[in-house]
Amino acid sequence: MTKVLLSLHVLAAIVAIGPVTVAASMFPAAVRRADLAQMRTLHRICRVYAVLGLAVPVFGFATAASLGVLTDAWLLVSIALTAVAAVVLAYAILPGQAAALTAEAVPARRLGMVSGIFNLLWATVVVLMIVRPGSTTGA
């Protein structure tokens, strides 16, 4: 069962989080070009896949419980970084994109910076999931 849960967790991360990171990164350039159609599409991708992304921690917790690693430091750090990434997405990226769509003055530079932070958080989580400091698997 652990292999199924881990597979679902990784698949959910690739399918849900991947598009959000790419779309969030592309949005500032669309703002600079004032490409409203592309901005709408990218914002929709971010919104829809953010909701789908909720499956990632659900399967992640199930996998961690099945592996018995819920109290491991690397996992706790990953959980904290995931929570920070979710907050950045919910309270900075999505509102900033929505404001840009309504012609409010939202600096593309700020959106780019926030998207970069979001992507860096996810990259760190991925590294922690692969390296797993203190792991006894030898990986």
N, C-alpha and C. Protein backbone atom coordinates (compact mmCIF):
# COMPACT_ATOMS: atom_id res chain seq x y z
N MET A 1 0.81 -1.20 0.00
CA MET A 1 0.00 0.00 0.00
C MET A 1 0.86 1.27 0.00
N THR A 2 2.02 1.18 0.65
CA THR A 2 2.91 2.33 0.72
C THR A 2 3.35 2.77 -0.67
N LYS A 3 3.65 1.80 -1.54
CA LYS A 3 4.09 2.14 -2.89
C LYS A 3 2.98 2.83 -3.68
N VAL A 4 1.75 2.41 -3.46
CA VAL A 4 0.62 3.05 -4.14
C VAL A 4 0.45 4.48 -3.65
N LEU A 5 0.51 4.67 -2.34
CA LEU A 5 0.37 6.02 -1.78
C LEU A 5 1.51 6.93 -2.24
N LEU A 6 2.73 6.41 -2.24
CA LEU A 6 3.86 7.21 -2.68
C LEU A 6 3.72 7.57 -4.16
N SER A 7 3.27 6.61 -4.95
CA SER A 7 3.06 6.88 -6.38
C SER A 7 2.00 7.95 -6.58
N LEU A 8 0.92 7.89 -5.84
CA LEU A 8 -0.14 8.90 -5.94
C LEU A 8 0.36 10.27 -5.48
N HIS A 9 1.16 10.27 -4.44
CA HIS A 9 1.73 11.52 -3.91
C HIS A 9 2.63 12.19 -4.96
N VAL A 10 3.53 11.41 -5.54
CA VAL A 10 4.46 11.96 -6.55
C VAL A 10 3.69 12.37 -7.80
N LEU A 11 2.75 11.55 -8.23
CA LEU A 11 1.95 11.89 -9.41
C LEU A 11 1.16 13.17 -9.19
N ALA A 12 0.54 13.30 -8.03
CA ALA A 12 -0.22 14.52 -7.71
C ALA A 12 0.70 15.74 -7.71
N ALA A 13 1.91 15.58 -7.17
CA ALA A 13 2.85 16.70 -7.14
C ALA A 13 3.24 17.12 -8.55
N ILE A 14 3.51 16.16 -9.40
CA ILE A 14 3.91 16.48 -10.78
C ILE A 14 2.76 17.12 -11.54
N VAL A 15 1.60 16.50 -11.46
CA VAL A 15 0.45 16.95 -12.25
C VAL A 15 -0.14 18.25 -11.72
N ALA A 16 -0.15 18.45 -10.42
CA ALA A 16 -0.80 19.63 -9.84
C ALA A 16 0.16 20.78 -9.57
N ILE A 17 1.27 20.50 -8.94
CA ILE A 17 2.17 21.58 -8.55
C ILE A 17 3.00 22.07 -9.73
N GLY A 18 3.38 21.17 -10.61
CA GLY A 18 4.16 21.56 -11.79
C GLY A 18 3.51 22.67 -12.60
N PRO A 19 2.25 22.50 -13.01
CA PRO A 19 1.60 23.56 -13.79
C PRO A 19 1.48 24.89 -13.04
N VAL A 20 1.27 24.84 -11.73
CA VAL A 20 1.17 26.08 -10.96
C VAL A 20 2.50 26.82 -10.98
N THR A 21 3.59 26.09 -10.77
CA THR A 21 4.90 26.76 -10.74
C THR A 21 5.23 27.37 -12.10
N VAL A 22 4.91 26.66 -13.17
CA VAL A 22 5.21 27.18 -14.51
C VAL A 22 4.32 28.37 -14.82
N ALA A 23 3.01 28.23 -14.59
CA ALA A 23 2.08 29.32 -14.90
C ALA A 23 2.38 30.56 -14.06
N ALA A 24 2.68 30.37 -12.78
CA ALA A 24 3.01 31.52 -11.93
C ALA A 24 4.27 32.22 -12.42
N SER A 25 5.23 31.46 -12.92
CA SER A 25 6.46 32.04 -13.44
C SER A 25 6.24 32.80 -14.75
N MET A 26 5.31 32.33 -15.55
CA MET A 26 5.04 32.96 -16.85
C MET A 26 4.17 34.21 -16.73
N PHE A 27 3.41 34.32 -15.65
CA PHE A 27 2.45 35.42 -15.50
C PHE A 27 3.09 36.81 -15.54
N PRO A 28 4.20 37.05 -14.83
CA PRO A 28 4.78 38.40 -14.86
C PRO A 28 5.16 38.87 -16.27
N ALA A 29 5.65 37.97 -17.10
CA ALA A 29 6.00 38.35 -18.47
C ALA A 29 4.75 38.72 -19.25
N ALA A 30 3.65 38.00 -19.00
CA ALA A 30 2.38 38.32 -19.66
C ALA A 30 1.88 39.69 -19.21
N VAL A 31 2.12 40.03 -17.94
CA VAL A 31 1.74 41.35 -17.44
C VAL A 31 2.55 42.43 -18.16
N ARG A 32 3.86 42.22 -18.27
CA ARG A 32 4.71 43.21 -18.95
C ARG A 32 4.30 43.41 -20.40
N ARG A 33 3.84 42.35 -21.05
CA ARG A 33 3.39 42.45 -22.45
C ARG A 33 1.94 42.92 -22.54
N ALA A 34 1.27 43.02 -21.40
CA ALA A 34 -0.15 43.37 -21.34
C ALA A 34 -0.99 42.40 -22.18
N ASP A 35 -0.64 41.12 -22.12
CA ASP A 35 -1.35 40.07 -22.86
C ASP A 35 -2.47 39.53 -21.97
N LEU A 36 -3.61 40.18 -22.03
CA LEU A 36 -4.73 39.86 -21.16
C LEU A 36 -5.21 38.43 -21.34
N ALA A 37 -5.27 37.94 -22.56
CA ALA A 37 -5.74 36.57 -22.80
C ALA A 37 -4.81 35.56 -22.12
N GLN A 38 -3.52 35.77 -22.26
CA GLN A 38 -2.57 34.84 -21.63
C GLN A 38 -2.63 34.98 -20.11
N MET A 39 -2.79 36.20 -19.61
CA MET A 39 -2.90 36.41 -18.16
C MET A 39 -4.09 35.65 -17.60
N ARG A 40 -5.23 35.72 -18.29
CA ARG A 40 -6.42 34.99 -17.84
C ARG A 40 -6.18 33.49 -17.80
N THR A 41 -5.56 32.99 -18.86
CA THR A 41 -5.29 31.55 -18.93
C THR A 41 -4.34 31.11 -17.82
N LEU A 42 -3.27 31.85 -17.62
CA LEU A 42 -2.30 31.50 -16.59
C LEU A 42 -2.90 31.59 -15.19
N HIS A 43 -3.72 32.59 -14.96
CA HIS A 43 -4.37 32.73 -13.65
C HIS A 43 -5.33 31.56 -13.40
N ARG A 44 -6.06 31.18 -14.44
CA ARG A 44 -6.99 30.04 -14.30
C ARG A 44 -6.21 28.76 -14.00
N ILE A 45 -5.10 28.55 -14.69
CA ILE A 45 -4.26 27.38 -14.42
C ILE A 45 -3.82 27.39 -12.96
N CYS A 46 -3.36 28.53 -12.48
CA CYS A 46 -2.91 28.63 -11.08
C CYS A 46 -4.04 28.32 -10.11
N ARG A 47 -5.22 28.88 -10.37
CA ARG A 47 -6.36 28.64 -9.47
C ARG A 47 -6.79 27.18 -9.46
N VAL A 48 -7.00 26.62 -10.63
CA VAL A 48 -7.52 25.25 -10.74
C VAL A 48 -6.52 24.25 -10.18
N TYR A 49 -5.26 24.38 -10.58
CA TYR A 49 -4.27 23.41 -10.13
C TYR A 49 -3.88 23.61 -8.67
N ALA A 50 -4.10 24.80 -8.13
CA ALA A 50 -3.87 25.00 -6.69
C ALA A 50 -4.85 24.14 -5.90
N VAL A 51 -6.09 24.08 -6.35
CA VAL A 51 -7.09 23.24 -5.68
C VAL A 51 -6.72 21.77 -5.84
N LEU A 52 -6.34 21.37 -7.05
CA LEU A 52 -5.92 19.98 -7.27
C LEU A 52 -4.69 19.64 -6.43
N GLY A 53 -3.86 20.64 -6.19
CA GLY A 53 -2.64 20.45 -5.41
C GLY A 53 -2.89 20.06 -3.96
N LEU A 54 -4.10 20.24 -3.50
CA LEU A 54 -4.42 19.82 -2.12
C LEU A 54 -4.26 18.31 -1.95
N ALA A 55 -4.31 17.58 -3.05
CA ALA A 55 -4.12 16.13 -2.98
C ALA A 55 -2.68 15.77 -2.60
N VAL A 56 -1.74 16.66 -2.88
CA VAL A 56 -0.33 16.36 -2.61
C VAL A 56 -0.09 16.15 -1.11
N PRO A 57 -0.46 17.08 -0.23
CA PRO A 57 -0.23 16.81 1.19
C PRO A 57 -1.11 15.68 1.74
N VAL A 58 -2.29 15.50 1.17
CA VAL A 58 -3.15 14.40 1.63
C VAL A 58 -2.44 13.07 1.41
N PHE A 59 -1.98 12.84 0.18
CA PHE A 59 -1.25 11.60 -0.11
C PHE A 59 0.10 11.58 0.60
N GLY A 60 0.69 12.75 0.79
CA GLY A 60 1.97 12.82 1.49
C GLY A 60 1.85 12.38 2.94
N PHE A 61 0.82 12.87 3.63
CA PHE A 61 0.62 12.45 5.03
C PHE A 61 0.32 10.95 5.11
N ALA A 62 -0.49 10.46 4.20
CA ALA A 62 -0.82 9.03 4.18
C ALA A 62 0.44 8.19 3.95
N THR A 63 1.29 8.65 3.04
CA THR A 63 2.54 7.94 2.75
C THR A 63 3.45 7.98 3.97
N ALA A 64 3.60 9.15 4.56
CA ALA A 64 4.47 9.30 5.73
C ALA A 64 4.00 8.44 6.89
N ALA A 65 2.70 8.38 7.10
CA ALA A 65 2.15 7.55 8.18
C ALA A 65 2.46 6.08 7.90
N SER A 66 2.29 5.68 6.65
CA SER A 66 2.53 4.29 6.31
C SER A 66 4.01 3.91 6.42
N LEU A 67 4.90 4.88 6.19
CA LEU A 67 6.34 4.64 6.33
C LEU A 67 6.82 4.82 7.77
N GLY A 68 5.98 5.42 8.62
CA GLY A 68 6.36 5.66 10.01
C GLY A 68 7.38 6.78 10.16
N VAL A 69 7.29 7.80 9.30
CA VAL A 69 8.28 8.89 9.36
C VAL A 69 7.65 10.24 9.72
N LEU A 70 6.46 10.22 10.28
CA LEU A 70 5.75 11.48 10.56
C LEU A 70 6.51 12.42 11.49
N THR A 71 7.43 11.91 12.28
CA THR A 71 8.17 12.77 13.21
C THR A 71 9.61 13.05 12.76
N ASP A 72 9.97 12.58 11.58
CA ASP A 72 11.33 12.83 11.09
C ASP A 72 11.51 14.32 10.74
N ALA A 73 12.69 14.83 11.07
CA ALA A 73 12.95 16.26 10.87
C ALA A 73 12.78 16.69 9.42
N TRP A 74 13.30 15.90 8.47
CA TRP A 74 13.21 16.27 7.05
C TRP A 74 11.76 16.40 6.61
N LEU A 75 10.91 15.54 7.15
CA LEU A 75 9.49 15.60 6.78
C LEU A 75 8.82 16.82 7.42
N LEU A 76 9.14 17.10 8.66
CA LEU A 76 8.55 18.26 9.33
C LEU A 76 8.96 19.56 8.64
N VAL A 77 10.22 19.64 8.21
CA VAL A 77 10.68 20.82 7.46
C VAL A 77 9.93 20.90 6.13
N SER A 78 9.77 19.77 5.46
CA SER A 78 9.03 19.73 4.18
C SER A 78 7.59 20.18 4.36
N ILE A 79 6.96 19.74 5.44
CA ILE A 79 5.58 20.14 5.73
C ILE A 79 5.52 21.65 5.96
N ALA A 80 6.45 22.16 6.73
CA ALA A 80 6.47 23.61 7.00
C ALA A 80 6.68 24.40 5.72
N LEU A 81 7.61 23.97 4.87
CA LEU A 81 7.87 24.68 3.61
C LEU A 81 6.67 24.58 2.67
N THR A 82 6.00 23.45 2.68
CA THR A 82 4.79 23.29 1.86
C THR A 82 3.71 24.26 2.34
N ALA A 83 3.57 24.39 3.65
CA ALA A 83 2.58 25.32 4.20
C ALA A 83 2.93 26.76 3.82
N VAL A 84 4.20 27.11 3.88
CA VAL A 84 4.63 28.46 3.48
C VAL A 84 4.35 28.68 2.00
N ALA A 85 4.64 27.69 1.17
CA ALA A 85 4.36 27.80 -0.26
C ALA A 85 2.86 27.99 -0.51
N ALA A 86 2.04 27.28 0.23
CA ALA A 86 0.58 27.42 0.07
C ALA A 86 0.14 28.84 0.45
N VAL A 87 0.70 29.38 1.51
CA VAL A 87 0.37 30.74 1.94
C VAL A 87 0.82 31.75 0.88
N VAL A 88 2.02 31.57 0.34
CA VAL A 88 2.51 32.48 -0.71
C VAL A 88 1.58 32.44 -1.92
N LEU A 89 1.16 31.23 -2.29
CA LEU A 89 0.25 31.10 -3.44
C LEU A 89 -1.10 31.75 -3.14
N ALA A 90 -1.66 31.44 -1.98
CA ALA A 90 -3.01 31.90 -1.65
C ALA A 90 -3.09 33.40 -1.34
N TYR A 91 -2.03 33.94 -0.74
CA TYR A 91 -2.12 35.32 -0.28
C TYR A 91 -1.25 36.32 -1.04
N ALA A 92 -0.42 35.84 -1.96
CA ALA A 92 0.40 36.77 -2.73
C ALA A 92 0.24 36.56 -4.23
N ILE A 93 0.43 35.33 -4.68
CA ILE A 93 0.40 35.08 -6.13
C ILE A 93 -1.00 35.22 -6.70
N LEU A 94 -1.95 34.45 -6.18
CA LEU A 94 -3.30 34.50 -6.75
C LEU A 94 -3.95 35.88 -6.62
N PRO A 95 -3.87 36.54 -5.46
CA PRO A 95 -4.43 37.89 -5.39
C PRO A 95 -3.71 38.89 -6.30
N GLY A 96 -2.39 38.74 -6.43
CA GLY A 96 -1.64 39.63 -7.31
C GLY A 96 -2.04 39.44 -8.76
N GLN A 97 -2.24 38.21 -9.15
CA GLN A 97 -2.70 37.93 -10.51
C GLN A 97 -4.10 38.49 -10.73
N ALA A 98 -4.97 38.28 -9.76
CA ALA A 98 -6.35 38.78 -9.89
C ALA A 98 -6.35 40.30 -10.00
N ALA A 99 -5.51 40.96 -9.22
CA ALA A 99 -5.42 42.42 -9.29
C ALA A 99 -4.91 42.87 -10.65
N ALA A 100 -3.95 42.16 -11.18
CA ALA A 100 -3.41 42.52 -12.50
C ALA A 100 -4.49 42.37 -13.57
N LEU A 101 -5.36 41.39 -13.40
CA LEU A 101 -6.44 41.17 -14.37
C LEU A 101 -7.50 42.26 -14.31
N THR A 102 -7.63 42.91 -13.19
CA THR A 102 -8.63 43.96 -13.04
C THR A 102 -8.02 45.34 -13.27
N ALA A 103 -6.86 45.36 -13.87
CA ALA A 103 -6.17 46.59 -14.26
C ALA A 103 -5.69 47.41 -13.07
N GLU A 104 -5.62 46.80 -11.90
CA GLU A 104 -5.02 47.49 -10.77
C GLU A 104 -3.51 47.47 -10.98
N ALA A 105 -2.85 48.43 -10.42
CA ALA A 105 -1.40 48.52 -10.60
C ALA A 105 -0.70 47.45 -9.77
N VAL A 106 -0.30 46.39 -10.42
CA VAL A 106 0.46 45.33 -9.75
C VAL A 106 1.78 45.20 -10.49
N PRO A 107 2.86 45.51 -9.82
CA PRO A 107 4.15 45.43 -10.50
C PRO A 107 4.48 43.99 -10.90
N ALA A 108 4.80 43.79 -12.18
CA ALA A 108 5.19 42.47 -12.66
C ALA A 108 6.43 41.99 -11.91
N ARG A 109 7.27 42.93 -11.53
CA ARG A 109 8.49 42.59 -10.81
C ARG A 109 8.18 41.92 -9.48
N ARG A 110 7.19 42.45 -8.77
CA ARG A 110 6.79 41.85 -7.48
C ARG A 110 6.23 40.46 -7.69
N LEU A 111 5.38 40.30 -8.70
CA LEU A 111 4.84 38.98 -9.00
C LEU A 111 5.94 38.00 -9.37
N GLY A 112 6.92 38.46 -10.10
CA GLY A 112 8.05 37.62 -10.47
C GLY A 112 8.84 37.18 -9.25
N MET A 113 9.07 38.11 -8.33
CA MET A 113 9.81 37.79 -7.11
C MET A 113 9.05 36.77 -6.27
N VAL A 114 7.77 37.01 -6.08
CA VAL A 114 6.95 36.11 -5.26
C VAL A 114 6.87 34.73 -5.91
N SER A 115 6.73 34.69 -7.22
CA SER A 115 6.69 33.41 -7.93
C SER A 115 8.02 32.67 -7.79
N GLY A 116 9.10 33.41 -7.84
CA GLY A 116 10.41 32.81 -7.64
C GLY A 116 10.56 32.21 -6.26
N ILE A 117 10.08 32.91 -5.26
CA ILE A 117 10.11 32.39 -3.88
C ILE A 117 9.27 31.11 -3.78
N PHE A 118 8.08 31.15 -4.38
CA PHE A 118 7.19 29.99 -4.41
C PHE A 118 7.91 28.79 -5.04
N ASN A 119 8.54 29.01 -6.18
CA ASN A 119 9.23 27.93 -6.88
C ASN A 119 10.43 27.42 -6.08
N LEU A 120 11.14 28.32 -5.43
CA LEU A 120 12.27 27.92 -4.60
C LEU A 120 11.82 27.07 -3.41
N LEU A 121 10.69 27.43 -2.83
CA LEU A 121 10.15 26.62 -1.73
C LEU A 121 9.86 25.20 -2.21
N TRP A 122 9.22 25.08 -3.38
CA TRP A 122 8.90 23.75 -3.90
C TRP A 122 10.14 22.98 -4.28
N ALA A 123 11.13 23.66 -4.84
CA ALA A 123 12.38 22.98 -5.20
C ALA A 123 13.05 22.43 -3.94
N THR A 124 13.02 23.19 -2.86
CA THR A 124 13.60 22.75 -1.60
C THR A 124 12.87 21.52 -1.06
N VAL A 125 11.55 21.54 -1.14
CA VAL A 125 10.76 20.39 -0.70
C VAL A 125 11.12 19.15 -1.52
N VAL A 126 11.24 19.32 -2.83
CA VAL A 126 11.59 18.18 -3.68
C VAL A 126 12.95 17.61 -3.28
N VAL A 127 13.92 18.48 -3.05
CA VAL A 127 15.25 18.00 -2.64
C VAL A 127 15.16 17.26 -1.31
N LEU A 128 14.43 17.81 -0.37
CA LEU A 128 14.28 17.13 0.93
C LEU A 128 13.61 15.77 0.77
N MET A 129 12.63 15.69 -0.12
CA MET A 129 11.94 14.41 -0.33
C MET A 129 12.86 13.37 -0.97
N ILE A 130 13.79 13.82 -1.77
CA ILE A 130 14.70 12.88 -2.43
C ILE A 130 15.87 12.50 -1.51
N VAL A 131 16.47 13.50 -0.91
CA VAL A 131 17.67 13.26 -0.08
C VAL A 131 17.31 12.66 1.28
N ARG A 132 16.24 13.12 1.87
CA ARG A 132 15.79 12.64 3.17
C ARG A 132 16.93 12.51 4.17
N PRO A 133 17.40 13.63 4.70
CA PRO A 133 18.51 13.58 5.64
C PRO A 133 18.24 12.60 6.79
N GLY A 134 19.20 11.77 7.07
CA GLY A 134 19.06 10.79 8.13
C GLY A 134 18.36 9.52 7.69
N SER A 135 18.03 9.42 6.40
CA SER A 135 17.36 8.23 5.89
C SER A 135 18.26 7.02 6.03
N THR A 136 17.66 5.90 6.32
CA THR A 136 18.41 4.65 6.44
C THR A 136 18.35 3.84 5.15
N THR A 137 17.75 4.41 4.11
CA THR A 137 17.62 3.66 2.84
C THR A 137 18.88 3.73 2.02
N GLY A 138 19.80 4.63 2.36
CA GLY A 138 21.02 4.76 1.60
C GLY A 138 20.86 5.62 0.35
N ALA A 139 19.67 6.15 0.14
CA ALA A 139 19.42 6.97 -1.06
C ALA A 139 19.97 8.36 -0.88
